[in-house]
C-alpha atoms as a PDB file:
ATOM      1  CA  UNK A   1       0.000   0.000   0.000  1.00  0.00           C
ATOM      2  CA  UNK A   2       1.363   3.380  -0.980  1.00  0.00           C
ATOM      3  CA  UNK A   3       1.048   6.283   1.434  1.00  0.00           C
ATOM      4  CA  UNK A   4       0.311   9.872   0.455  1.00  0.00           C
ATOM      5  CA  UNK A   5       4.014  10.612   1.009  1.00  0.00           C
ATOM      6  CA  UNK A   6       4.947   7.784  -1.371  1.00  0.00           C
ATOM      7  CA  UNK A   7       2.559   9.170  -3.971  1.00  0.00           C
ATOM      8  CA  UNK A   8       4.045  12.669  -3.611  1.00  0.00           C
ATOM      9  CA  UNK A   9       7.492  11.181  -4.277  1.00  0.00           C
ATOM     10  CA  UNK A  10       6.156   9.273  -7.274  1.00  0.00           C
ATOM     11  CA  UNK A  11       4.539  12.437  -8.596  1.00  0.00           C
ATOM     12  CA  UNK A  12       7.941  14.135  -8.419  1.00  0.00           C
ATOM     13  CA  UNK A  13       9.634  11.157 -10.149  1.00  0.00           C
ATOM     14  CA  UNK A  14       6.938  11.277 -12.840  1.00  0.00           C
ATOM     15  CA  UNK A  15       8.211  14.661 -13.987  1.00  0.00           C
ATOM     16  CA  UNK A  16      10.782  13.494 -16.478  1.00  0.00           C
ATOM     17  CA  UNK A  17      11.620  16.718 -18.294  1.00  0.00           C
ATOM     18  CA  UNK A  18      10.455  15.258 -21.583  1.00  0.00           C
ATOM     19  CA  UNK A  19       7.087  16.750 -22.502  1.00  0.00           C
ATOM     20  CA  UNK A  20       5.788  13.559 -24.137  1.00  0.00           C
ATOM     21  CA  UNK A  21       6.374  11.615 -20.927  1.00  0.00           C
ATOM     22  CA  UNK A  22       5.265  14.359 -18.547  1.00  0.00           C
ATOM     23  CA  UNK A  23       1.860  14.702 -20.210  1.00  0.00           C
ATOM     24  CA  UNK A  24       1.260  10.973 -19.708  1.00  0.00           C
ATOM     25  CA  UNK A  25       2.825  10.326 -16.305  1.00  0.00           C
ATOM     26  CA  UNK A  26       1.764  13.327 -14.246  1.00  0.00           C
ATOM     27  CA  UNK A  27      -1.986  13.048 -14.934  1.00  0.00           C
ATOM     28  CA  UNK A  28      -1.748   9.276 -14.571  1.00  0.00           C
ATOM     29  CA  UNK A  29      -0.192   9.465 -11.104  1.00  0.00           C
ATOM     30  CA  UNK A  30      -2.693  12.140 -10.062  1.00  0.00           C
ATOM     31  CA  UNK A  31      -5.846  10.558 -11.498  1.00  0.00           C
ATOM     32  CA  UNK A  32      -5.350   6.807 -11.828  1.00  0.00           C
ATOM     33  CA  UNK A  33      -2.555   5.508  -9.597  1.00  0.00           C
ATOM     34  CA  UNK A  34      -4.626   5.145  -6.415  1.00  0.00           C
ATOM     35  CA  UNK A  35      -7.248   3.078  -8.264  1.00  0.00           C
ATOM     36  CA  UNK A  36      -4.751   0.530  -9.585  1.00  0.00           C
ATOM     37  CA  UNK A  37      -4.342  -2.916  -8.106  1.00  0.00           C
ATOM     38  CA  UNK A  38      -1.261  -3.072  -5.886  1.00  0.00           C
ATOM     39  CA  UNK A  39       0.607  -5.232  -8.440  1.00  0.00           C
ATOM     40  CA  UNK A  40      -0.007  -2.589 -11.110  1.00  0.00           C
ATOM     41  CA  UNK A  41       1.082   0.173  -8.737  1.00  0.00           C
ATOM     42  CA  UNK A  42       4.315  -1.767  -8.230  1.00  0.00           C
ATOM     43  CA  UNK A  43       4.692  -2.058 -12.005  1.00  0.00           C
ATOM     44  CA  UNK A  44       4.315   1.711 -12.363  1.00  0.00           C
ATOM     45  CA  UNK A  45       7.021   2.287  -9.748  1.00  0.00           C
ATOM     46  CA  UNK A  46       9.266  -0.139 -11.627  1.00  0.00           C
ATOM     47  CA  UNK A  47       8.455   1.656 -14.885  1.00  0.00           C
ATOM     48  CA  UNK A  48       9.643   4.961 -13.429  1.00  0.00           C
ATOM     49  CA  UNK A  49      13.086   3.408 -12.945  1.00  0.00           C
ATOM     50  CA  UNK A  50      13.432   2.801 -16.695  1.00  0.00           C
ATOM     51  CA  UNK A  51      15.417   5.027 -19.032  1.00  0.00           C
ATOM     52  CA  UNK A  52      13.518   7.878 -20.660  1.00  0.00           C
ATOM     53  CA  UNK A  53      14.520   6.681 -24.140  1.00  0.00           C
ATOM     54  CA  UNK A  54      12.903   3.280 -23.455  1.00  0.00           C
ATOM     55  CA  UNK A  55       9.828   4.893 -21.956  1.00  0.00           C
ATOM     56  CA  UNK A  56       9.463   7.161 -24.964  1.00  0.00           C
ATOM     57  CA  UNK A  57       9.497   4.369 -27.562  1.00  0.00           C
ATOM     58  CA  UNK A  58       7.148   2.214 -25.495  1.00  0.00           C
ATOM     59  CA  UNK A  59       4.650   4.971 -24.776  1.00  0.00           C
ATOM     60  CA  UNK A  60       4.740   6.254 -28.359  1.00  0.00           C
ATOM     61  CA  UNK A  61       4.084   2.625 -29.401  1.00  0.00           C
ATOM     62  CA  UNK A  62       7.175   2.442 -31.573  1.00  0.00           C
ATOM     63  CA  UNK A  63       8.325  -0.688 -29.723  1.00  0.00           C
ATOM     64  CA  UNK A  64       6.980  -3.013 -27.071  1.00  0.00           C
ATOM     65  CA  UNK A  65       8.789  -3.627 -23.819  1.00  0.00           C
ATOM     66  CA  UNK A  66      10.355  -7.079 -23.596  1.00  0.00           C
ATOM     67  CA  UNK A  67       9.327  -7.337 -19.944  1.00  0.00           C
ATOM     68  CA  UNK A  68       5.636  -8.329 -19.829  1.00  0.00           C
ATOM     69  CA  UNK A  69       5.154  -6.342 -16.604  1.00  0.00           C
ATOM     70  CA  UNK A  70       6.416  -3.187 -18.282  1.00  0.00           C
ATOM     71  CA  UNK A  71       4.258  -3.808 -21.334  1.00  0.00           C
ATOM     72  CA  UNK A  72       1.216  -4.303 -19.096  1.00  0.00           C
ATOM     73  CA  UNK A  73       1.640  -0.973 -17.270  1.00  0.00           C
ATOM     74  CA  UNK A  74       2.408   0.849 -20.525  1.00  0.00           C
ATOM     75  CA  UNK A  75      -0.857  -0.518 -21.930  1.00  0.00           C
ATOM     76  CA  UNK A  76      -2.753   0.572 -18.808  1.00  0.00           C
ATOM     77  CA  UNK A  77      -1.339   4.097 -19.137  1.00  0.00           C
ATOM     78  CA  UNK A  78      -2.106   4.303 -22.854  1.00  0.00           C
ATOM     79  CA  UNK A  79      -5.624   2.916 -22.433  1.00  0.00           C
ATOM     80  CA  UNK A  80      -6.218   5.538 -19.768  1.00  0.00           C
ATOM     81  CA  UNK A  81      -5.182   8.473 -21.943  1.00  0.00           C
ATOM     82  CA  UNK A  82      -6.223   7.380 -25.432  1.00  0.00           C
ATOM     83  CA  UNK A  83      -9.846   7.877 -26.434  1.00  0.00           C
ATOM     84  CA  UNK A  84     -11.804   4.738 -27.148  1.00  0.00           C
ATOM     85  CA  UNK A  85     -13.055   4.116 -30.643  1.00  0.00           C
ATOM     86  CA  UNK A  86     -16.834   3.994 -30.977  1.00  0.00           C
END
């Protein structure tokens, strides 16, 4: 279980300095993180430890992460921010 202090730290870590990542991570941590299952929260924390270049290609869907856990959390983030087709 993540405390409010943990979430504040994660919010800070979510600010990557790369606009494409910031516009995905910051709203995600603010709006969706608390509602995730604990395993998915752990995956998000692990994702934040990845290199920005890897994050960029995964989140821009240019490549898929080899690690299934990373691919799962990337998909959760993208599904959260991308509009659904009708």
